[in-house]
N, C-alpha and C. Protein backbone atom coordinates (compact mmCIF):
# COMPACT_ATOMS: atom_id res chain seq x y z
N MET A 1 76.19 101.91 87.95
CA MET A 1 75.99 102.86 88.99
C MET A 1 77.15 103.96 89.09
N PRO A 2 76.86 105.33 89.29
CA PRO A 2 77.67 106.28 89.76
C PRO A 2 78.62 105.87 90.35
N ARG A 3 79.96 106.33 90.70
CA ARG A 3 81.15 106.47 91.36
C ARG A 3 81.01 107.47 92.23
N ALA A 4 81.06 106.98 93.19
CA ALA A 4 81.09 107.62 94.52
C ALA A 4 82.01 108.41 94.43
N ALA A 5 82.23 109.99 94.83
CA ALA A 5 83.15 111.03 94.67
C ALA A 5 84.01 110.34 95.71
N PRO A 6 85.55 110.89 95.51
CA PRO A 6 86.65 110.17 96.67
C PRO A 6 86.64 110.90 97.75
N SER A 7 87.20 110.42 99.00
CA SER A 7 87.04 110.89 100.06
C SER A 7 87.64 111.84 100.11
N PRO A 8 87.28 113.41 101.18
CA PRO A 8 88.52 114.38 101.28
C PRO A 8 89.63 113.88 101.92
N GLU A 9 89.92 112.39 102.45
CA GLU A 9 91.06 112.52 102.77
C GLU A 9 92.12 111.72 101.89
N THR A 10 91.16 110.83 100.73
CA THR A 10 92.02 110.58 99.55
C THR A 10 92.92 111.51 99.04
N LEU A 11 94.23 111.76 99.12
CA LEU A 11 95.38 112.48 98.45
C LEU A 11 96.02 111.95 97.28
N LEU A 12 95.86 110.84 97.10
CA LEU A 12 96.03 110.12 95.71
C LEU A 12 95.20 109.17 94.54
N GLU A 13 95.44 109.72 93.75
CA GLU A 13 94.39 109.03 92.74
C GLU A 13 95.14 107.72 92.22
N VAL A 14 94.89 106.56 92.54
CA VAL A 14 95.46 105.31 91.92
C VAL A 14 94.51 104.40 91.59
N PRO A 15 94.93 103.59 90.56
CA PRO A 15 93.98 102.56 90.11
C PRO A 15 93.31 101.84 91.29
N PRO A 16 92.43 101.20 90.78
CA PRO A 16 91.37 100.09 92.31
C PRO A 16 93.16 98.74 92.02
N GLN A 17 92.78 98.15 92.72
CA GLN A 17 94.15 97.24 93.24
C GLN A 17 93.92 96.28 92.29
N SER A 18 92.71 95.73 91.57
CA SER A 18 92.79 94.94 90.65
C SER A 18 93.42 95.16 89.35
N ARG A 19 93.89 96.58 89.27
CA ARG A 19 94.75 96.53 88.05
C ARG A 19 96.00 97.00 88.58
N PRO A 20 96.95 95.70 88.82
CA PRO A 20 98.50 96.00 89.32
C PRO A 20 99.26 96.69 88.49
N PHE A 21 100.33 97.63 89.01
CA PHE A 21 101.56 97.88 88.23
C PHE A 21 102.20 96.94 87.12
N ALA A 22 101.98 97.94 85.79
CA ALA A 22 102.40 96.75 85.18
C ALA A 22 103.79 97.40 84.07
N GLY A 23 104.25 98.56 84.31
CA GLY A 23 105.38 99.05 83.58
C GLY A 23 106.92 98.44 83.91
N ALA A 24 107.82 98.68 83.13
CA ALA A 24 109.11 97.99 83.29
C ALA A 24 109.65 98.55 84.76
N LEU A 25 110.74 97.77 85.28
CA LEU A 25 111.34 97.97 86.56
C LEU A 25 112.63 98.55 86.42
N PRO A 26 113.05 99.56 86.66
CA PRO A 26 114.78 100.15 86.12
C PRO A 26 115.50 99.17 86.95
N GLY A 27 116.68 98.82 86.28
CA GLY A 27 117.35 97.73 86.76
C GLY A 27 117.14 96.79 87.07
N VAL A 28 115.92 95.89 86.42
CA VAL A 28 115.43 95.01 86.65
C VAL A 28 115.61 94.00 85.37
N VAL A 29 116.56 92.72 85.20
CA VAL A 29 116.37 91.84 84.30
C VAL A 29 115.49 90.90 84.24
N GLU A 30 114.40 90.56 83.55
CA GLU A 30 113.48 89.70 83.70
C GLU A 30 114.31 88.08 84.08
N GLY A 31 113.52 87.82 85.17
CA GLY A 31 114.33 86.62 85.79
C GLY A 31 115.21 86.80 86.54
N GLU A 32 115.85 87.47 87.02
CA GLU A 32 117.06 88.08 87.95
C GLU A 32 116.54 88.81 89.05
N ARG A 33 116.82 88.72 90.01
CA ARG A 33 116.75 89.66 91.29
C ARG A 33 118.10 90.67 91.23
N PRO A 34 117.40 91.91 91.11
CA PRO A 34 118.32 93.24 90.81
C PRO A 34 118.73 93.20 92.18
N THR A 35 120.20 94.11 92.15
CA THR A 35 120.53 94.99 93.57
C THR A 35 120.28 96.12 93.14
N LEU A 36 120.50 96.97 94.81
CA LEU A 36 120.23 97.73 94.84
C LEU A 36 121.07 98.78 94.18
N ASP A 37 122.17 98.47 94.11
CA ASP A 37 123.06 99.24 93.29
C ASP A 37 122.71 99.58 91.79
N GLN A 38 122.03 98.30 91.27
CA GLN A 38 121.89 98.47 89.59
C GLN A 38 120.62 99.34 89.78
N ILE A 39 119.80 99.71 90.68
CA ILE A 39 118.55 100.01 90.57
C ILE A 39 119.32 101.56 90.96
N ARG A 40 120.00 101.98 91.63
CA ARG A 40 120.78 103.45 91.92
C ARG A 40 121.06 103.90 90.84
N ARG A 41 122.13 103.06 90.18
CA ARG A 41 122.73 103.37 89.05
C ARG A 41 121.82 103.88 87.82
N GLU A 42 120.67 103.01 88.03
CA GLU A 42 119.78 103.35 86.83
C GLU A 42 119.21 104.43 86.84
N LEU A 43 118.60 105.01 88.19
CA LEU A 43 118.08 106.33 88.64
C LEU A 43 119.04 107.39 88.31
N GLY A 44 120.37 107.19 88.37
CA GLY A 44 121.63 108.24 87.97
C GLY A 44 121.07 109.54 88.51
N ASP A 45 121.58 110.96 87.98
CA ASP A 45 120.77 111.95 88.11
C ASP A 45 119.80 112.44 87.69
N CYS A 46 118.74 111.93 88.48
CA CYS A 46 117.15 111.89 87.73
C CYS A 46 116.97 113.08 87.40
N ARG A 47 116.02 113.32 86.30
CA ARG A 47 115.44 114.53 86.15
C ARG A 47 114.46 114.03 85.19
N ARG A 48 113.41 112.85 85.62
CA ARG A 48 112.14 112.57 85.29
C ARG A 48 111.29 113.18 85.60
N CYS A 49 111.16 114.16 86.49
CA CYS A 49 110.01 114.61 86.95
C CYS A 49 110.81 116.21 87.40
N LYS A 50 109.46 117.20 87.69
CA LYS A 50 109.81 118.45 88.28
C LYS A 50 110.48 118.51 89.41
N LEU A 51 110.55 117.52 90.76
CA LEU A 51 110.99 117.65 91.85
C LEU A 51 112.81 117.57 91.65
N CYS A 52 113.31 117.40 90.52
CA CYS A 52 114.59 117.49 90.62
C CYS A 52 115.49 118.66 90.78
N SER A 53 114.54 119.71 90.27
CA SER A 53 114.72 121.25 90.19
C SER A 53 115.04 122.06 91.29
N GLY A 54 114.53 121.63 92.42
CA GLY A 54 114.68 121.85 93.70
C GLY A 54 115.28 121.08 94.63
N ARG A 55 115.61 120.08 94.32
CA ARG A 55 116.63 119.50 95.17
C ARG A 55 118.27 119.41 95.44
N LYS A 56 118.64 119.44 96.81
CA LYS A 56 119.72 119.05 96.64
C LYS A 56 120.74 117.90 97.02
N ASN A 57 119.95 116.63 96.93
CA ASN A 57 120.29 115.46 96.91
C ASN A 57 118.76 114.54 96.92
N ILE A 58 119.40 113.26 96.01
CA ILE A 58 118.33 112.16 95.59
C ILE A 58 117.84 111.63 97.38
N VAL A 59 117.29 111.19 97.69
CA VAL A 59 117.62 109.93 98.78
C VAL A 59 116.49 108.95 98.38
N PHE A 60 117.49 108.43 98.39
CA PHE A 60 117.34 106.59 97.61
C PHE A 60 116.46 105.85 98.50
N GLY A 61 117.25 105.68 99.89
CA GLY A 61 117.09 104.38 100.67
C GLY A 61 118.50 104.48 101.54
N SER A 62 118.15 103.43 102.49
CA SER A 62 119.21 103.05 103.66
C SER A 62 118.56 101.87 104.60
N GLY A 63 119.65 101.32 104.59
CA GLY A 63 119.65 100.14 105.85
C GLY A 63 119.97 98.76 105.21
N ASN A 64 119.79 97.98 105.85
CA ASN A 64 119.98 96.33 105.00
C ASN A 64 119.55 96.25 103.78
N PRO A 65 120.60 95.75 102.53
CA PRO A 65 119.50 95.07 101.40
C PRO A 65 119.48 94.08 101.72
N ARG A 66 119.31 93.21 102.54
CA ARG A 66 118.61 91.78 102.44
C ARG A 66 117.27 92.06 103.48
N ALA A 67 117.00 93.53 103.94
CA ALA A 67 115.82 93.39 105.71
C ALA A 67 114.91 92.48 104.97
N GLU A 68 114.34 91.82 106.26
CA GLU A 68 113.16 91.42 106.54
C GLU A 68 112.22 91.71 106.66
N LEU A 69 112.68 93.49 106.99
CA LEU A 69 111.48 94.39 107.12
C LEU A 69 111.82 95.87 106.81
N VAL A 70 110.81 96.24 105.79
CA VAL A 70 111.28 97.61 105.08
C VAL A 70 110.34 98.22 105.39
N PHE A 71 110.61 99.53 105.64
CA PHE A 71 109.48 100.82 105.92
C PHE A 71 109.35 101.68 105.28
N VAL A 72 108.16 102.03 104.12
CA VAL A 72 108.09 102.64 103.11
C VAL A 72 107.14 104.30 103.77
N GLY A 73 108.06 105.40 103.16
CA GLY A 73 107.79 106.92 103.34
C GLY A 73 107.16 107.31 102.43
N GLU A 74 106.86 108.62 102.50
CA GLU A 74 106.01 109.49 101.57
C GLU A 74 106.96 110.24 100.54
N GLY A 75 108.02 110.86 101.22
CA GLY A 75 109.24 111.73 100.73
C GLY A 75 110.09 112.13 101.65
N PRO A 76 111.24 113.06 101.15
CA PRO A 76 112.18 113.64 101.47
C PRO A 76 111.52 114.98 102.42
N GLY A 77 111.76 115.06 103.55
CA GLY A 77 112.08 116.57 103.93
C GLY A 77 113.05 117.24 103.63
N ALA A 78 113.23 118.83 104.61
CA ALA A 78 114.43 119.48 104.37
C ALA A 78 115.60 118.59 104.74
N ASP A 79 115.71 117.80 105.92
CA ASP A 79 116.88 117.20 106.67
C ASP A 79 117.49 116.23 105.88
N GLU A 80 116.63 115.46 105.22
CA GLU A 80 116.78 114.41 104.11
C GLU A 80 117.63 114.54 102.62
N ASP A 81 116.64 115.85 102.18
CA ASP A 81 117.58 116.68 101.12
C ASP A 81 118.62 116.91 101.50
N VAL A 82 118.78 117.64 102.58
CA VAL A 82 120.53 117.88 103.01
C VAL A 82 121.43 116.72 103.08
N GLN A 83 121.28 115.72 103.65
CA GLN A 83 121.83 114.68 104.09
C GLN A 83 121.83 113.13 103.12
N GLY A 84 121.13 113.38 102.24
CA GLY A 84 120.61 112.17 101.10
C GLY A 84 120.39 111.17 101.93
N VAL A 85 119.98 110.93 103.11
CA VAL A 85 119.36 109.93 103.88
C VAL A 85 117.85 109.95 104.43
N PRO A 86 116.94 108.80 103.92
CA PRO A 86 115.64 108.93 104.50
C PRO A 86 115.61 108.92 105.75
N PHE A 87 114.37 109.68 106.43
CA PHE A 87 114.04 109.59 107.56
C PHE A 87 115.15 110.07 108.63
N VAL A 88 115.58 111.20 109.12
CA VAL A 88 116.60 112.05 109.41
C VAL A 88 116.34 113.14 110.19
N GLY A 89 115.29 113.87 110.34
CA GLY A 89 114.05 114.92 110.95
C GLY A 89 113.95 114.41 112.07
N ALA A 90 113.05 115.21 112.59
CA ALA A 90 111.79 115.17 113.71
C ALA A 90 111.06 113.37 112.99
N ALA A 91 110.40 113.41 112.35
CA ALA A 91 109.89 112.57 112.16
C ALA A 91 110.61 111.20 112.21
N GLY A 92 112.37 111.36 111.34
CA GLY A 92 112.82 110.07 111.52
C GLY A 92 113.49 109.70 112.67
N GLN A 93 113.40 110.61 113.68
CA GLN A 93 113.93 110.19 115.17
C GLN A 93 112.90 109.08 115.99
N LEU A 94 111.48 109.98 115.28
CA LEU A 94 110.20 109.34 116.19
C LEU A 94 110.33 107.72 115.45
N LEU A 95 110.95 107.55 113.75
CA LEU A 95 110.63 106.40 113.13
C LEU A 95 111.96 105.58 114.12
N THR A 96 112.88 106.00 114.50
CA THR A 96 114.07 105.31 114.85
C THR A 96 113.40 104.89 116.37
N LYS A 97 112.74 105.51 117.11
CA LYS A 97 112.33 104.97 118.29
C LYS A 97 110.98 104.20 117.81
N MET A 98 110.75 104.13 117.07
CA MET A 98 109.79 103.12 116.60
C MET A 98 110.24 101.68 116.04
N ILE A 99 111.24 101.67 115.32
CA ILE A 99 111.75 100.70 114.66
C ILE A 99 112.57 100.00 116.13
N GLU A 100 113.31 100.85 116.98
CA GLU A 100 114.00 99.98 118.17
C GLU A 100 112.95 99.76 119.25
N ALA A 101 111.69 99.92 119.32
CA ALA A 101 110.44 99.64 119.95
C ALA A 101 109.99 98.28 119.44
N MET A 102 110.29 98.24 118.59
CA MET A 102 110.46 96.80 117.76
C MET A 102 111.22 95.44 118.15
N GLY A 103 112.39 96.05 118.49
CA GLY A 103 113.18 95.17 118.77
C GLY A 103 114.58 95.07 117.69
N TYR A 104 114.39 96.13 116.92
CA TYR A 104 115.22 96.12 115.45
C TYR A 104 116.13 97.49 115.86
N ASN A 105 116.82 97.49 114.91
CA ASN A 105 117.89 98.89 114.54
C ASN A 105 117.73 99.25 113.41
N ARG A 106 118.16 100.60 112.84
CA ARG A 106 118.34 101.02 111.48
C ARG A 106 118.83 100.20 110.70
N ASP A 107 120.15 99.85 110.82
CA ASP A 107 120.78 99.11 110.02
C ASP A 107 120.06 97.57 109.69
N LEU A 108 119.30 96.98 110.69
CA LEU A 108 118.80 95.78 110.32
C LEU A 108 117.31 95.97 109.45
N VAL A 109 116.79 97.11 109.38
CA VAL A 109 115.73 97.13 108.47
C VAL A 109 116.45 97.98 106.78
N TYR A 110 115.15 97.99 106.09
CA TYR A 110 115.37 99.06 105.13
C TYR A 110 114.81 99.90 105.25
N ILE A 111 114.92 100.96 104.50
CA ILE A 111 113.79 102.26 105.10
C ILE A 111 114.05 103.51 103.32
N CYS A 112 113.01 103.78 102.89
CA CYS A 112 112.77 104.40 101.31
C CYS A 112 111.69 105.04 101.56
N ASN A 113 111.40 105.89 100.45
CA ASN A 113 110.22 107.03 99.83
C ASN A 113 109.46 106.37 98.96
N VAL A 114 108.14 106.70 98.63
CA VAL A 114 107.53 106.90 97.35
C VAL A 114 108.62 108.18 95.91
N VAL A 115 108.48 108.65 96.66
CA VAL A 115 109.55 110.06 96.04
C VAL A 115 110.94 110.47 96.15
N LYS A 116 111.61 110.20 95.58
CA LYS A 116 113.21 110.45 96.12
C LYS A 116 113.48 111.59 96.48
N CYS A 117 113.03 112.46 96.07
CA CYS A 117 113.23 114.07 95.92
C CYS A 117 112.23 114.84 96.75
N ARG A 118 112.57 115.98 97.78
CA ARG A 118 111.64 116.38 98.54
C ARG A 118 111.13 117.45 97.62
N PRO A 119 109.46 117.15 97.58
CA PRO A 119 108.55 118.33 97.39
C PRO A 119 108.72 119.66 97.80
N PRO A 120 108.88 120.66 97.00
CA PRO A 120 108.69 121.79 97.20
C PRO A 120 107.84 122.54 98.95
N GLY A 121 108.83 122.86 99.85
CA GLY A 121 108.01 123.48 101.32
C GLY A 121 107.50 121.80 101.58
N ASN A 122 107.73 120.60 101.45
CA ASN A 122 107.19 119.88 102.06
C ASN A 122 105.86 119.38 101.70
N ARG A 123 105.74 120.03 100.47
CA ARG A 123 103.61 119.67 100.18
C ARG A 123 103.89 118.18 99.68
N ASN A 124 102.60 117.67 99.20
CA ASN A 124 102.38 116.69 99.17
C ASN A 124 102.87 116.52 97.67
N PRO A 125 103.15 114.90 97.93
CA PRO A 125 103.91 114.80 96.10
C PRO A 125 102.48 114.57 95.14
N GLU A 126 102.72 115.45 94.08
CA GLU A 126 101.84 115.52 92.67
C GLU A 126 102.04 113.71 92.15
N PRO A 127 100.52 113.26 91.73
CA PRO A 127 100.48 112.20 90.83
C PRO A 127 101.58 112.13 89.68
N ASP A 128 101.84 112.97 89.04
CA ASP A 128 103.09 112.83 87.91
C ASP A 128 104.35 112.24 88.41
N GLU A 129 104.76 113.21 89.67
CA GLU A 129 105.75 113.00 90.67
C GLU A 129 105.68 111.25 90.84
N VAL A 130 104.75 110.92 91.59
CA VAL A 130 104.63 109.67 92.13
C VAL A 130 104.90 108.56 90.85
N THR A 131 103.98 109.19 89.69
CA THR A 131 104.01 107.98 88.96
C THR A 131 105.41 107.78 88.47
N ALA A 132 106.55 108.46 88.21
CA ALA A 132 107.77 108.58 88.02
C ALA A 132 108.54 108.04 88.94
N CYS A 133 108.42 108.18 89.93
CA CYS A 133 109.43 107.37 91.09
C CYS A 133 108.70 106.37 91.00
N GLU A 134 107.72 105.96 91.06
CA GLU A 134 107.13 104.57 91.57
C GLU A 134 107.92 103.45 91.33
N PRO A 135 108.20 102.90 89.91
CA PRO A 135 109.28 102.07 89.67
C PRO A 135 110.29 101.61 90.36
N PHE A 136 111.12 102.91 90.34
CA PHE A 136 112.41 102.91 91.41
C PHE A 136 111.96 102.21 93.07
N LEU A 137 110.86 102.25 93.05
CA LEU A 137 110.46 101.87 94.47
C LEU A 137 109.83 100.44 94.68
N ARG A 138 109.44 99.95 93.42
CA ARG A 138 108.75 98.64 93.21
C ARG A 138 110.42 98.05 92.73
N ALA A 139 110.84 98.75 92.08
CA ALA A 139 112.36 97.61 91.98
C ALA A 139 113.45 97.43 93.44
N GLN A 140 113.18 98.74 94.05
CA GLN A 140 114.21 98.50 95.78
C GLN A 140 113.21 97.29 96.32
N LEU A 141 112.10 96.89 96.14
CA LEU A 141 111.14 96.28 97.03
C LEU A 141 111.52 94.76 96.26
N GLN A 142 111.79 94.92 95.22
CA GLN A 142 111.89 93.34 94.57
C GLN A 142 113.28 93.09 94.81
N ALA A 143 114.40 93.73 94.64
CA ALA A 143 115.76 93.63 95.39
C ALA A 143 115.96 93.46 97.04
N VAL A 144 115.24 93.94 97.40
CA VAL A 144 115.23 93.71 98.95
C VAL A 144 114.38 92.51 99.34
N ARG A 145 113.47 92.23 98.81
CA ARG A 145 112.62 90.93 98.86
C ARG A 145 111.98 91.16 100.67
N PRO A 146 111.65 91.99 101.21
CA PRO A 146 111.57 91.50 102.91
C PRO A 146 110.26 90.35 103.03
N LYS A 147 110.70 90.21 104.01
CA LYS A 147 109.21 89.52 104.50
C LYS A 147 108.14 90.47 104.66
N ALA A 148 108.22 91.53 105.11
CA ALA A 148 107.13 92.49 105.07
C ALA A 148 107.18 93.69 105.23
N ILE A 149 105.91 94.44 104.87
CA ILE A 149 106.72 95.92 104.71
C ILE A 149 105.26 97.04 105.51
N VAL A 150 106.21 97.74 106.06
CA VAL A 150 105.18 99.12 106.67
C VAL A 150 105.16 99.82 105.88
N ALA A 151 103.98 100.56 105.32
CA ALA A 151 103.74 101.64 105.02
C ALA A 151 103.30 102.78 105.79
N LEU A 152 103.75 103.77 105.71
CA LEU A 152 104.01 104.76 106.82
C LEU A 152 103.64 106.04 105.84
N GLY A 153 101.71 105.83 106.09
CA GLY A 153 100.89 107.08 105.60
C GLY A 153 100.23 106.57 104.52
N LYS A 154 99.07 107.79 103.80
CA LYS A 154 98.43 107.25 103.10
C LYS A 154 99.08 107.38 101.61
N PHE A 155 100.26 107.80 101.16
CA PHE A 155 100.91 108.13 99.56
C PHE A 155 101.74 106.90 99.84
N ALA A 156 102.07 106.11 100.86
CA ALA A 156 102.98 104.78 100.70
C ALA A 156 102.20 103.66 100.53
N ALA A 157 101.00 103.62 101.20
CA ALA A 157 100.25 102.46 101.35
C ALA A 157 99.21 102.66 99.88
N GLN A 158 98.36 103.67 99.53
CA GLN A 158 97.46 103.80 98.22
C GLN A 158 98.92 103.86 97.23
N THR A 159 99.86 103.89 96.69
CA THR A 159 100.97 103.58 95.71
C THR A 159 100.80 102.08 95.77
N LEU A 160 101.58 101.74 96.72
CA LEU A 160 101.61 99.86 96.74
C LEU A 160 100.25 99.34 96.59
N LEU A 161 99.51 99.49 97.15
CA LEU A 161 98.28 98.82 97.07
C LEU A 161 97.14 99.22 95.89
N ARG A 162 97.34 100.20 95.14
CA ARG A 162 96.73 101.09 94.73
C ARG A 162 95.39 100.80 94.57
N ASP A 163 94.83 101.49 95.76
CA ASP A 163 93.91 101.62 96.48
C ASP A 163 93.80 102.68 97.06
N THR A 164 92.59 103.61 97.29
CA THR A 164 92.76 104.81 97.21
C THR A 164 91.98 105.01 98.63
N THR A 165 91.41 103.73 99.36
CA THR A 165 90.87 103.78 100.70
C THR A 165 92.11 104.56 101.91
N PRO A 166 91.19 105.54 102.39
CA PRO A 166 92.03 106.69 103.61
C PRO A 166 92.91 105.73 104.49
N ILE A 167 93.96 106.26 104.84
CA ILE A 167 94.93 105.67 105.76
C ILE A 167 93.92 105.16 106.92
N THR A 168 93.25 106.21 107.80
CA THR A 168 92.62 106.22 108.74
C THR A 168 91.50 104.45 108.55
N ARG A 169 91.41 104.39 107.67
CA ARG A 169 90.28 102.71 107.48
C ARG A 169 91.31 101.60 107.05
N MET A 170 92.57 102.15 106.61
CA MET A 170 93.25 101.02 106.20
C MET A 170 94.28 100.21 107.46
N ARG A 171 94.74 101.33 108.16
CA ARG A 171 95.86 101.02 109.05
C ARG A 171 95.45 99.93 110.12
N GLY A 172 96.08 99.09 110.52
CA GLY A 172 96.29 97.80 111.42
C GLY A 172 95.29 96.76 110.96
N GLN A 173 95.41 96.39 109.27
CA GLN A 173 94.92 95.58 108.91
C GLN A 173 96.07 94.96 107.82
N TRP A 174 96.15 93.71 107.78
CA TRP A 174 97.23 93.08 106.66
C TRP A 174 96.73 93.15 105.57
N ARG A 175 97.46 93.64 104.80
CA ARG A 175 97.14 93.74 103.46
C ARG A 175 98.08 92.98 102.55
N GLU A 176 98.80 92.80 101.16
CA GLU A 176 99.27 92.03 100.40
C GLU A 176 100.01 93.05 99.35
N TYR A 177 101.29 92.91 99.12
CA TYR A 177 101.44 93.68 98.21
C TYR A 177 102.80 92.58 97.62
N GLU A 178 102.54 91.93 96.54
CA GLU A 178 103.25 91.02 95.46
C GLU A 178 103.84 89.97 96.38
N GLY A 179 102.59 89.32 96.81
CA GLY A 179 102.71 88.31 97.69
C GLY A 179 103.66 88.65 98.81
N ILE A 180 103.86 89.96 99.37
CA ILE A 180 104.62 90.36 100.91
C ILE A 180 103.73 90.75 101.48
N LYS A 181 103.82 90.31 102.76
CA LYS A 181 102.51 91.03 103.87
C LYS A 181 103.16 92.60 103.96
N LEU A 182 101.97 93.69 104.13
CA LEU A 182 102.11 95.15 104.04
C LEU A 182 100.68 95.37 105.25
N MET A 183 101.72 95.95 106.39
CA MET A 183 100.83 96.68 107.31
C MET A 183 100.88 98.31 107.31
N PRO A 184 100.00 98.59 106.82
CA PRO A 184 99.68 100.16 107.04
C PRO A 184 99.30 100.55 108.13
N THR A 185 100.06 101.77 108.56
CA THR A 185 99.81 102.93 109.22
C THR A 185 100.38 103.78 109.47
N PHE A 186 100.24 104.68 110.40
CA PHE A 186 100.25 106.14 110.33
C PHE A 186 101.68 106.61 110.21
N HIS A 187 101.89 107.80 109.10
CA HIS A 187 103.24 108.38 109.18
C HIS A 187 104.01 108.80 110.27
N PRO A 188 105.12 108.62 110.55
CA PRO A 188 105.70 109.50 111.98
C PRO A 188 105.66 110.80 112.05
N ALA A 189 105.63 111.84 110.64
CA ALA A 189 105.18 112.98 110.53
C ALA A 189 103.95 113.63 111.49
N TYR A 190 102.63 112.96 111.10
CA TYR A 190 101.16 112.78 111.65
C TYR A 190 101.27 112.77 112.87
N LEU A 191 101.81 111.30 113.64
CA LEU A 191 102.10 111.16 115.04
C LEU A 191 102.64 112.19 115.39
N LEU A 192 103.27 113.31 114.81
CA LEU A 192 104.17 113.94 115.91
C LEU A 192 102.94 115.25 116.05
N ARG A 193 101.95 115.34 114.73
CA ARG A 193 101.01 116.57 114.89
C ARG A 193 99.80 115.70 115.76
N GLN A 194 99.83 114.64 115.60
CA GLN A 194 98.82 114.29 116.04
C GLN A 194 99.18 113.09 117.50
N PRO A 195 99.90 113.24 118.44
CA PRO A 195 100.64 112.43 119.66
C PRO A 195 99.24 111.06 119.99
N ALA A 196 98.23 111.31 120.50
CA ALA A 196 97.44 110.63 120.74
C ALA A 196 97.23 109.28 119.48
N GLU A 197 97.64 109.81 118.62
CA GLU A 197 97.27 108.42 117.67
C GLU A 197 98.22 107.32 117.60
N LYS A 198 99.43 107.78 118.79
CA LYS A 198 101.02 106.74 118.53
C LYS A 198 100.22 105.81 119.45
N LYS A 199 99.16 105.88 120.12
CA LYS A 199 98.28 104.00 120.60
C LYS A 199 98.42 103.33 119.31
N LYS A 200 97.68 103.89 118.51
CA LYS A 200 97.03 103.35 117.14
C LYS A 200 98.55 102.39 116.57
N ALA A 201 99.24 103.42 116.28
CA ALA A 201 100.52 103.02 115.65
C ALA A 201 101.23 101.94 116.08
N TRP A 202 101.29 102.08 117.23
CA TRP A 202 101.91 100.77 117.98
C TRP A 202 101.21 99.75 118.00
N GLU A 203 99.56 99.78 118.06
CA GLU A 203 98.86 98.39 118.29
C GLU A 203 99.21 97.93 116.80
N ASP A 204 99.72 98.75 115.57
CA ASP A 204 99.66 98.45 114.25
C ASP A 204 101.10 97.40 114.09
N LEU A 205 102.33 98.14 115.01
CA LEU A 205 103.28 97.48 115.30
C LEU A 205 103.65 96.53 115.62
N GLN A 206 102.95 96.17 116.58
CA GLN A 206 102.80 94.93 117.31
C GLN A 206 102.35 94.09 116.60
N GLN A 207 101.27 94.33 115.60
CA GLN A 207 100.64 93.21 114.76
C GLN A 207 102.16 92.48 113.93
N VAL A 208 103.00 93.27 113.64
CA VAL A 208 104.19 92.92 112.46
C VAL A 208 105.03 92.47 113.34
N MET A 209 105.39 93.01 114.58
CA MET A 209 106.34 91.96 115.50
C MET A 209 105.84 90.29 116.23
N LYS A 210 104.25 90.65 115.83
CA LYS A 210 103.81 89.18 116.21
C LYS A 210 104.06 88.56 115.37
N PHE A 211 103.98 89.13 113.69
CA PHE A 211 104.55 88.12 112.34
C PHE A 211 105.87 87.63 112.61
N PHE A 212 106.57 88.39 113.24
CA PHE A 212 108.21 87.99 113.31
C PHE A 212 108.85 87.35 114.34
N GLY A 213 107.09 86.83 115.66
CA GLY A 213 107.69 86.49 116.49
C GLY A 213 108.58 86.94 117.76
N LYS A 214 108.31 88.28 117.79
CA LYS A 214 109.15 88.98 118.33
C LYS A 214 108.27 89.78 119.54
N GLN A 215 108.79 89.93 120.64
CA GLN A 215 108.42 90.53 121.67
C GLN A 215 109.16 91.92 122.29
N PRO A 216 108.24 92.84 122.46
CA PRO A 216 108.96 94.17 123.10
C PRO A 216 110.44 93.97 123.84
N GLY A 217 111.39 94.52 123.33
CA GLY A 217 112.39 94.90 123.92
C GLY A 217 113.49 93.69 123.38
N GLN A 218 112.86 92.71 122.56
CA GLN A 218 114.04 91.53 121.77
C GLN A 218 114.89 92.39 121.10
N ARG A 219 115.78 92.18 120.94
CA ARG A 219 116.80 92.56 119.86
C ARG A 219 116.97 91.54 118.46
N GLY A 220 117.56 92.23 117.53
CA GLY A 220 117.77 91.36 116.47
C GLY A 220 116.97 90.57 115.72
């Protein structure tokens, strides 16, 4: 049977979910749990893809290294590139509000991106750039070992799940990444452009809160 043409919403071609990532993870010794510091040292002054040529700072990740909840986005923007911290621009301010509405703060969760350097002009990451950075994302998740992951947008969800389903169809449904529950939802930058979709994103986050036994307004 001929393969269906990819959806126009599909921005990233990844293998089917039945073919998991099989590469070696940087900073990871087999049988041992890595630390984020080990992985960051392995990343070094990364020159593994062309994004290195235009960056000001590598944006590795921030937050609690033993967080029960991790948020994974797409890549740094201009503010993140300057500060070296993920989600500090307008989308980051919205993400902070989302995290606080869930009863957490940024120090309690861990936040990172698929690619660690800013794509020029905030364009979409290209497949070779995702391929170069993906092992570091997977190593980060192995180091933190959260109970749940929120994948913010199609790049995060498609990369971790190896599934090209558009985020509009994937969001709001629990999936699994290496034994960890994963909730795909919209990226905050998309929500800034499409504020009517915030209601759907909040519904997705409420499912995550329910998983952790949290009620709106609860802290800690």
